[in-house]
Protein backbone atom coordinates (compact mmCIF):
# COMPACT_ATOMS: atom_id res chain seq x y z
CA MET A 1 13.87 276.62 61.18
CA LEU A 2 16.84 274.96 62.81
CA ARG A 3 16.21 274.25 66.49
CA ASP A 4 18.93 273.81 69.09
CA SER A 5 17.14 271.33 71.38
CA HIS A 6 13.84 270.06 72.70
CA PRO A 7 12.55 271.72 75.88
CA ILE A 8 13.16 269.65 79.02
CA ASP A 9 10.24 267.29 79.62
CA LYS A 10 9.33 267.04 83.33
CA LEU A 11 7.04 264.06 82.73
CA PHE A 12 9.89 262.20 81.03
CA GLU A 13 12.19 262.98 83.98
CA GLN A 14 9.69 261.31 86.32
CA ILE A 15 9.32 258.27 84.04
CA VAL A 16 13.06 257.79 83.56
CA MET A 17 13.57 257.60 87.33
CA LEU A 18 11.66 254.28 87.28
CA VAL A 19 14.13 252.57 84.91
CA PRO A 20 17.76 251.48 85.54
CA LYS A 21 20.36 254.23 85.48
CA MET A 22 22.37 255.01 82.39
CA ASP A 23 25.53 252.94 81.86
CA PRO A 24 28.49 254.77 83.51
CA VAL A 25 30.42 254.95 80.21
CA LEU A 26 27.41 256.38 78.38
CA ALA A 27 26.78 258.79 81.27
CA ARG A 28 30.32 260.19 81.00
CA ILE A 29 30.01 260.56 77.22
CA ASP A 30 26.73 262.36 77.87
CA ARG A 31 28.58 264.91 79.99
CA TYR A 32 31.39 265.32 77.45
CA LEU A 33 28.89 266.11 74.67
CA GLU A 34 27.44 268.96 76.72
CA ALA A 35 30.46 271.06 75.73
CA LYS A 36 29.29 274.02 73.63
CA VAL A 37 32.19 273.68 71.18
CA PHE A 38 30.92 270.36 69.78
CA PHE A 39 27.37 271.65 69.47
CA GLN A 40 28.46 274.80 67.63
CA LEU A 41 30.66 272.89 65.18
CA VAL A 42 27.81 270.64 64.08
CA LYS A 43 25.24 273.45 64.08
CA HIS A 44 27.44 275.50 61.74
CA ASP A 45 27.24 272.73 59.11
CA LEU A 46 23.56 271.90 59.60
CA ALA A 47 22.65 275.59 59.19
CA LYS A 48 23.83 275.41 55.55
CA ARG A 49 21.08 273.03 54.44
CA TYR A 50 19.07 275.91 52.95
CA PRO A 51 19.86 279.65 52.73
CA MET A 52 17.30 280.56 55.42
CA THR A 53 17.49 277.40 57.56
CA LEU A 54 18.26 279.39 60.72
CA LEU A 55 15.37 281.82 60.30
CA THR A 56 12.39 280.37 58.46
CA GLY A 57 10.56 277.13 57.74
CA ARG A 58 9.01 274.50 59.95
CA SER A 59 10.79 273.39 63.09
CA SER A 60 13.58 270.94 62.31
CA THR A 61 15.03 268.03 64.21
CA PRO A 62 17.09 269.71 66.98
CA VAL A 63 20.85 269.95 66.50
CA GLU A 64 21.46 268.32 69.89
CA VAL A 65 19.37 265.29 68.92
CA ILE A 66 21.17 264.86 65.56
CA LEU A 67 24.63 265.12 67.15
CA ARG A 68 23.91 262.61 69.89
CA MET A 69 22.14 260.12 67.63
CA LEU A 70 25.08 260.11 65.21
CA VAL A 71 27.43 259.41 68.11
CA VAL A 72 25.19 256.55 69.31
CA LYS A 73 25.10 255.12 65.79
CA GLN A 74 28.88 254.79 65.68
CA LEU A 75 29.26 253.74 69.33
CA TYR A 76 27.03 250.70 68.89
CA GLY A 77 27.44 250.02 65.17
CA TYR A 78 23.79 250.62 64.26
CA SER A 79 22.50 251.18 60.77
CA TYR A 80 20.32 254.27 60.40
CA GLU A 81 17.21 252.07 60.51
CA GLY A 82 18.54 250.21 63.55
CA LEU A 83 19.41 253.49 65.24
CA GLU A 84 15.85 254.75 64.83
CA ARG A 85 14.43 251.53 66.33
CA ALA A 86 16.94 251.46 69.20
CA VAL A 87 16.25 255.04 70.29
CA CYS A 88 12.48 254.52 69.94
CA ASP A 89 12.58 251.43 72.17
CA SER A 90 15.01 252.66 74.87
CA LEU A 91 14.19 255.24 77.53
CA VAL A 92 17.91 255.45 78.32
CA LEU A 93 18.82 256.31 74.72
CA ARG A 94 15.92 258.76 74.53
CA GLN A 95 17.42 260.46 77.56
CA PHE A 96 20.96 260.40 76.13
CA CYS A 97 19.84 261.71 72.73
CA ARG A 98 17.62 264.37 74.37
CA VAL A 99 14.58 263.09 72.46
CA TYR A 100 12.48 262.65 75.62
CA LEU A 101 8.86 261.78 74.68
CA ASN A 102 9.07 263.46 71.27
CA THR A 103 9.01 261.62 67.95
CA VAL A 104 12.35 260.04 67.04
CA PRO A 105 13.59 261.29 63.63
CA ASP A 106 13.37 258.57 60.99
CA ASP A 107 16.34 257.08 59.20
CA THR A 108 16.02 259.12 55.99
CA THR A 109 15.88 262.36 57.97
CA LEU A 110 19.03 261.40 59.84
CA ILE A 111 20.82 260.52 56.60
CA ARG A 112 20.03 263.92 55.10
CA TRP A 113 21.28 265.75 58.18
CA ALA A 114 24.35 263.51 58.58
CA ASN A 115 25.44 264.23 55.00
CA LEU A 116 25.68 267.94 55.84
CA VAL A 117 28.41 267.40 58.45
CA GLN A 118 31.74 268.06 56.72
CA PRO A 119 34.92 265.98 57.22
CA SER A 120 36.83 269.13 58.27
CA THR A 121 34.23 269.67 61.01
CA LEU A 122 34.83 266.16 62.34
CA GLU A 123 38.60 266.81 62.39
CA GLN A 124 37.96 269.90 64.53
CA PHE A 125 35.57 267.85 66.67
CA ASN A 126 38.33 265.32 67.33
CA ARG A 127 40.81 268.09 68.14
CA GLY A 128 38.30 269.37 70.70
CA ILE A 129 38.08 265.92 72.26
CA ILE A 130 41.87 265.72 72.57
CA GLU A 131 41.98 269.19 74.17
CA MET A 132 39.34 268.05 76.65
CA ALA A 133 41.37 264.90 77.36
CA VAL A 134 44.44 267.01 78.13
CA LYS A 135 42.43 269.13 80.59
CA LEU A 136 41.11 265.96 82.23
CA LYS A 137 44.69 264.57 82.33
CA VAL A 138 43.69 261.52 80.29
CA SER A 139 46.66 262.28 78.02
CA ARG A 140 49.56 264.72 78.00
CA GLY A 141 50.93 263.95 74.57
CA ARG A 142 54.26 262.66 75.92
CA LYS A 143 54.17 259.45 73.89
CA LEU A 144 53.28 258.89 70.24
CA ARG A 145 52.92 255.69 68.27
CA THR A 146 51.95 255.94 64.64
CA ASP A 147 50.79 253.33 62.15
CA GLY A 148 48.53 252.89 59.16
CA THR A 149 45.73 250.57 58.17
CA VAL A 150 43.45 250.08 55.21
CA VAL A 151 39.72 250.79 55.40
CA GLU A 152 37.93 249.13 52.50
CA THR A 153 35.22 250.75 50.42
CA HIS A 154 31.91 248.93 50.01
CA ILE A 155 32.47 247.32 46.60
CA HIS A 156 32.50 243.79 45.22
CA PRO A 157 35.82 242.33 43.98
CA PRO A 158 36.55 244.31 40.79
CA ARG A 159 36.27 242.69 37.36
CA ASP A 160 36.26 244.64 34.12
CA SER A 161 33.36 242.56 32.78
CA GLN A 162 31.23 243.32 35.82
CA MET A 163 32.06 247.03 35.68
CA LEU A 164 31.13 247.16 31.99
CA ALA A 165 27.80 245.47 32.77
CA ASP A 166 27.27 247.88 35.68
CA SER A 167 27.97 250.82 33.38
CA VAL A 168 25.39 249.61 30.86
CA ARG A 169 22.86 248.99 33.64
CA VAL A 170 23.22 252.48 35.15
CA VAL A 171 23.21 254.31 31.81
CA VAL A 172 20.26 252.26 30.48
CA ARG A 173 18.27 252.87 33.66
CA THR A 174 18.92 256.61 33.30
CA LEU A 175 17.96 256.57 29.61
CA GLU A 176 14.70 254.77 30.38
CA ARG A 177 13.82 257.47 32.90
CA ALA A 178 14.86 260.12 30.40
CA LYS A 179 12.45 258.62 27.84
CA LYS A 180 9.52 259.28 30.18
CA VAL A 181 10.61 262.87 30.77
CA LEU A 182 11.17 263.56 27.06
CA THR A 183 7.93 261.84 26.04
CA GLN A 184 5.98 264.17 28.32
CA SER A 185 7.50 267.13 26.44
CA ASN A 186 6.66 265.57 23.05
CA GLN A 187 10.24 264.48 22.34
CA TRP A 188 10.22 260.76 21.55
CA VAL A 189 13.26 258.56 22.01
CA PRO A 190 12.46 255.25 20.26
CA GLN A 191 15.41 253.06 21.29
CA ASN A 192 14.76 249.93 23.34
CA PHE A 193 17.50 250.35 25.93
CA VAL A 194 16.36 247.43 28.09
CA ALA A 195 17.52 244.87 25.49
CA LEU A 196 21.09 246.24 25.74
CA ASN A 197 21.06 245.84 29.51
CA GLN A 198 19.85 242.23 29.31
CA GLU A 199 22.48 241.32 26.72
CA ALA A 200 25.26 242.98 28.73
CA LYS A 201 24.25 241.00 31.80
CA ARG A 202 24.23 237.73 29.81
CA VAL A 203 27.63 238.35 28.18
CA SER A 204 29.19 239.36 31.53
CA HIS A 205 28.00 236.06 33.02
CA GLN A 206 29.47 234.13 30.07
CA ILE A 207 32.83 235.84 30.56
CA SER A 208 32.86 234.95 34.27
CA GLU A 209 32.07 231.30 33.52
CA ALA A 210 34.75 231.13 30.80
CA MET A 211 37.47 232.67 33.00
CA ARG A 212 36.87 230.07 35.70
CA ARG A 213 37.93 227.23 33.37
CA ARG A 214 41.36 228.78 32.67
CA SER A 215 41.91 226.77 29.45
CA ALA A 216 43.15 228.30 26.18
CA GLU A 217 39.73 227.73 24.59
CA ALA A 218 37.97 229.37 27.53
CA LYS A 219 40.37 232.30 27.32
CA GLN A 220 39.43 232.84 23.68
CA VAL A 221 35.71 232.63 24.56
CA GLY A 222 36.29 235.24 27.28
CA LYS A 223 38.15 237.47 24.85
CA GLU A 224 35.28 237.36 22.34
CA GLY A 225 32.86 238.04 25.17
CA TYR A 226 34.83 241.13 26.15
CA ARG A 227 34.77 242.34 22.55
CA ARG A 228 30.97 242.05 22.45
CA LEU A 229 30.53 243.61 25.90
CA ILE A 230 32.66 246.61 24.94
CA GLU A 231 30.56 247.05 21.78
CA ILE A 232 27.36 247.03 23.87
CA THR A 233 28.82 249.59 26.27
CA GLN A 234 29.94 251.85 23.45
CA THR A 235 26.49 251.65 21.82
CA THR A 236 24.90 252.59 25.15
CA LEU A 237 27.24 255.56 25.54
CA GLN A 238 26.45 256.74 22.01
CA ASP A 239 22.73 256.68 22.90
CA ALA A 240 23.52 258.64 26.04
CA GLN A 241 25.36 261.29 24.00
CA GLU A 242 22.27 261.71 21.79
CA VAL A 243 19.87 262.02 24.73
CA LEU A 244 22.05 264.30 26.86
CA PRO A 245 21.52 267.54 24.81
CA LEU A 246 17.76 266.92 24.86
CA LEU A 247 17.77 266.64 28.64
CA GLU A 248 19.86 269.77 29.06
CA LYS A 249 17.28 271.79 27.09
CA GLN A 250 14.53 270.78 29.52
CA ALA A 251 13.51 273.11 32.34
CA SER A 252 12.54 270.44 34.89
CA ALA A 253 14.77 269.56 37.84
CA GLN A 254 14.33 265.84 37.07
CA ALA A 255 15.76 266.28 33.57
CA HIS A 256 18.78 268.13 34.91
CA LYS A 257 19.31 265.40 37.52
CA LEU A 258 19.25 262.71 34.82
CA ALA A 259 21.67 264.73 32.69
CA ALA A 260 24.03 265.02 35.67
CA THR A 261 23.89 261.23 36.14
CA LEU A 262 24.87 260.64 32.52
CA LYS A 263 27.72 263.16 32.78
CA THR A 264 28.97 261.38 35.91
CA PHE A 265 28.89 257.78 34.74
CA ALA A 266 29.75 258.11 31.03
CA PRO A 267 33.43 259.08 31.65
CA ARG A 268 33.77 256.25 34.16
CA ALA A 269 32.40 253.76 31.63
CA GLU A 270 34.86 255.07 29.04
CA GLN A 271 37.71 254.54 31.50
CA VAL A 272 36.61 250.93 32.05
CA ILE A 273 36.51 250.38 28.27
CA ASP A 274 40.04 251.82 27.97
CA GLN A 275 41.55 249.64 30.70
CA ALA A 276 39.76 246.50 29.47
CA THR A 277 41.02 247.11 25.93
CA ARG A 278 44.59 247.65 27.11
CA ARG A 279 44.53 244.61 29.39
CA ILE A 280 42.60 242.06 27.28
CA PHE A 281 43.46 242.96 23.70
CA ASN A 282 46.83 244.71 24.00
CA ASP A 283 48.24 242.40 26.74
CA GLU A 284 49.28 245.51 28.65
CA LYS A 285 49.78 245.67 32.39
CA VAL A 286 47.73 248.69 33.40
CA PRO A 287 49.32 250.60 36.32
CA ALA A 288 47.22 250.71 39.48
CA ALA A 289 47.12 254.52 39.32
CA ASP A 290 45.40 254.33 35.90
CA LYS A 291 42.77 251.80 36.96
CA ILE A 292 39.22 252.25 38.14
CA VAL A 293 37.91 249.42 40.33
CA SER A 294 34.32 250.61 40.80
CA ILE A 295 32.12 252.95 38.81
CA PHE A 296 30.21 253.70 42.03
CA GLU A 297 33.27 254.40 44.21
CA PRO A 298 35.86 255.66 41.68
CA HIS A 299 38.05 257.11 44.44
CA THR A 300 38.91 253.57 45.61
CA ALA A 301 42.64 252.83 45.54
CA ILE A 302 44.36 249.49 44.92
CA ILE A 303 46.63 248.80 47.89
CA LYS A 304 49.22 246.03 48.19
CA ARG A 305 50.84 245.78 51.62
CA GLY A 306 52.30 242.27 51.44
CA LYS A 307 49.71 240.82 53.82
CA GLU A 308 49.38 237.06 53.30
CA ASN A 309 45.64 236.94 54.08
CA HIS A 310 44.91 240.20 52.19
CA PRO A 311 47.37 240.45 49.26
CA VAL A 312 45.30 243.21 47.61
CA GLU A 313 42.90 245.58 49.36
CA TYR A 314 40.49 248.07 47.82
CA GLY A 315 39.89 251.26 49.75
CA HIS A 316 42.13 253.88 51.31
CA LYS A 317 45.12 253.80 53.60
CA VAL A 318 44.32 255.66 56.82
CA TRP A 319 47.19 256.91 58.96
CA LEU A 320 46.69 257.18 62.73
CA ASN A 321 48.52 258.89 65.59
CA GLU A 322 47.87 257.32 69.00
CA VAL A 323 49.09 259.04 72.16
CA ASP A 324 49.40 257.99 75.78
CA GLY A 325 45.94 257.40 77.19
CA GLY A 326 44.90 255.36 74.13
CA LEU A 327 43.50 258.30 72.16
CA ILE A 328 43.73 258.85 68.40
CA SER A 329 45.04 262.41 68.33
CA HIS A 330 45.23 262.67 64.55
CA TYR A 331 44.10 260.78 61.47
CA ARG A 332 44.49 261.37 57.76
CA ILE A 333 43.34 259.57 54.64
CA LEU A 334 46.13 259.00 52.14
CA ALA A 335 45.85 259.18 48.37
CA GLY A 336 46.89 255.99 46.59
CA ASN A 337 49.47 253.76 48.25
CA PRO A 338 52.35 256.02 49.35
CA SER A 339 55.44 254.78 51.19
CA ASP A 340 55.16 254.47 54.97
CA GLN A 341 58.47 256.33 55.32
CA ASP A 342 56.80 259.48 54.05
CA GLN A 343 54.30 259.46 56.93
CA TRP A 344 56.77 259.88 59.81
CA LEU A 345 57.37 263.62 59.64
CA PRO A 346 53.70 264.55 58.95
CA SER A 347 52.76 262.55 62.04
CA LEU A 348 55.31 264.37 64.21
CA ASN A 349 54.20 267.74 62.83
CA ALA A 350 50.54 266.91 63.48
CA HIS A 351 51.40 265.95 67.07
CA ARG A 352 53.30 269.18 67.66
CA ASP A 353 50.44 271.17 66.16
CA GLN A 354 47.92 269.46 68.46
CA PHE A 355 49.86 269.55 71.74
CA GLY A 356 52.24 272.46 71.20
CA HIS A 357 55.32 270.29 71.74
CA SER A 358 57.04 267.21 70.32
CA PRO A 359 56.53 263.88 72.09
CA GLU A 360 59.21 262.60 74.43
CA LEU A 361 58.88 259.17 72.82
CA ALA A 362 57.84 258.50 69.23
CA SER A 363 57.61 255.06 67.68
CA GLY A 364 56.86 253.46 64.34
CA ASP A 365 57.36 250.08 62.72
CA ARG A 366 60.18 249.02 60.37
CA GLY A 367 58.47 250.51 57.32
CA LEU A 368 58.99 254.03 58.70
CA TYR A 369 62.71 253.69 59.31
CA SER A 370 65.24 255.84 57.54
CA ALA A 371 68.34 257.58 58.83
CA SER A 372 66.86 260.96 57.89
CA ASN A 373 63.63 260.20 59.75
CA GLU A 374 65.60 259.39 62.91
CA THR A 375 67.75 262.49 62.59
CA GLU A 376 64.85 264.88 61.97
CA ALA A 377 62.86 263.47 64.90
CA ILE A 378 65.81 264.11 67.22
CA GLN A 379 66.19 267.63 65.83
CA MET A 380 62.49 268.23 66.57
CA GLY A 381 63.13 267.42 70.23
CA VAL A 382 62.04 263.77 70.45
CA LYS A 383 64.17 262.18 73.18
CA GLN A 384 63.44 258.54 72.39
CA VAL A 385 63.03 257.63 68.72
CA ILE A 386 61.84 254.04 68.26
CA LEU A 387 62.33 253.10 64.60
CA PRO A 388 63.65 249.53 64.16
CA LYS A 389 65.89 249.19 61.14
CA PRO A 390 64.82 246.54 58.59
CA GLY A 391 67.24 244.19 56.87
CA TYR A 392 70.96 244.09 57.72
CA ARG A 393 72.02 245.73 60.99
CA SER A 394 75.59 246.43 62.02
CA LYS A 395 76.84 245.43 65.48
CA LYS A 396 76.59 249.06 66.54
CA ARG A 397 72.96 249.21 65.41
CA LYS A 398 72.15 245.95 67.20
CA ARG A 399 73.61 247.33 70.44
CA TYR A 400 71.61 250.54 69.95
CA GLU A 401 68.34 248.66 69.51
CA ALA A 402 69.13 246.30 72.40
CA GLN A 403 69.03 249.15 74.94
CA SER A 404 66.28 248.80 77.54
CA TRP A 405 64.52 252.07 76.62
CA PHE A 406 64.39 251.03 72.95
CA GLN A 407 62.98 247.60 73.81
CA GLU A 408 60.40 249.12 76.15
CA GLY A 409 59.41 251.53 73.41
CA ARG A 410 58.99 248.70 70.92
CA ASN A 411 56.83 246.79 73.38
CA TRP A 412 54.66 249.87 73.88
CA HIS A 413 54.39 250.41 70.13
CA ALA A 414 52.91 246.93 69.67
CA GLY A 415 49.74 248.23 71.34
CA VAL A 416 48.83 250.30 68.28
CA GLU A 417 47.83 247.09 66.49
CA GLY A 418 45.35 246.40 69.27
CA ARG A 419 43.97 249.93 68.95
CA ILE A 420 43.49 249.45 65.19
CA SER A 421 41.76 246.14 65.85
CA VAL A 422 39.33 247.82 68.28
CA LEU A 423 38.61 250.56 65.73
CA LYS A 424 37.76 247.94 63.12
CA ARG A 425 35.76 245.60 65.31
CA SER A 426 33.92 248.03 67.59
CA HIS A 427 33.75 251.22 65.55
CA ALA A 428 33.16 249.90 62.00
CA LEU A 429 36.46 251.03 60.48
CA GLY A 430 36.95 247.73 58.68
CA ARG A 431 34.70 248.73 55.80
CA CYS A 432 33.12 252.07 54.94
CA LEU A 433 29.42 251.90 54.02
CA ASN A 434 29.15 255.56 53.03
CA HIS A 435 29.28 256.64 49.39
CA GLY A 436 31.89 258.89 47.80
CA LEU A 437 35.19 260.21 49.08
CA THR A 438 33.50 262.77 51.33
CA GLY A 439 31.33 260.01 52.77
CA PHE A 440 34.46 257.92 53.36
CA GLU A 441 36.15 260.78 55.23
CA ARG A 442 32.99 261.32 57.26
CA TRP A 443 32.86 257.61 58.18
CA ILE A 444 36.46 257.65 59.42
CA GLY A 445 35.86 260.84 61.40
CA TRP A 446 32.84 259.53 63.30
CA GLY A 447 34.62 256.21 63.97
CA VAL A 448 37.64 257.94 65.53
CA ILE A 449 35.43 260.34 67.52
CA SER A 450 33.30 257.55 68.99
CA ALA A 451 36.40 255.51 69.85
CA ASN A 452 38.03 258.46 71.66
CA LEU A 453 34.86 259.24 73.59
CA ARG A 454 34.62 255.64 74.75
CA VAL A 455 38.30 255.54 75.79
CA MET A 456 37.92 258.79 77.77
CA ALA A 457 34.75 257.54 79.44
CA ARG A 458 36.43 254.33 80.54
CA THR A 459 39.56 256.03 81.91
């Protein structure tokens, strides 16, 4: 049964009076999280764990505890294991998380509950924070600066040879587990899958060593290695196709889970084979949109932004709206690597949807400039449009951009880079450690929420 909260512990209240008071920033966040709207949003998702979660079963970890522990995790950059230890050891965090003297939920429990919170819920959560900020006069939505950044997924630098070896490893591991299940039901699968995995690992290492030498001879060795590695992967996939119907006929949940794993990873392995064949043997430049860079995070996009220290990034472009008061009023995760120009109008529309009016000042960098973007912003009621024009500028344009209000707007816009830096350094938006696209969206949502709560508490 899903519980709302632990009962107030009078003994804990007496004990906590003997320790130093809660940090002022944490104390303000504590008060903000008392709003019913945040509690109800999270409870709505947690209640969907099982059909009768709200009515039957043993008492669960309270919703209030889960919500506050997930906020603490992102505020301080803890892992789930570190979060459990920190709350166990700190009377202040026990008080903040409303755990009191009760047992702190372990890391695996928190992971299961956290995975139930939907990205759309976190978007509504952030909208609620912005509405609260408006009531507290932290922000009025008069200024908007918008920019994008890349949040990387948690993958190693992609190589086709490594992805082929990973494909063999995952499929072979699944087939070995399937052998045990099928053997128990008197269906014997005689193949020795482990030998394929070991050979794939060896050939992948040989390819990596050959490619480092960069000579014509090494290139030929690498090419032959790829041919053998593709053959091993194809053999493994053929074995998987033979075992899959046998698993699907089984009644056990484990067999169905193994079948689902094969159905998930086999198409990804086939895609890696296709792109390796086109690239290595057909000398074809495979478009980024057709590539897969990780069989574990297939949603990962290849993003080139012209950054000298990061020429190619692997993850997703995240677009942010920051308003006066230093709050992220809106965020969205973009598919692929779209043009920055296309993000100007969606940002203005999102601002108007959040605040009910257009900003008085709206700014972006040179990548967002276009004559139509300027015109449409003015038509939407933006009084000061700060979009520096790239490349050649006429004398008239130079005089326009030299006006004091334009220069002041550009100076204010520069602060968005600092905000992005804080999000990456203090709220873990440099690299997402969650799995899958939904996990990625969830990671971004909690990072923005924790950043906004901290900004409000410090204002």
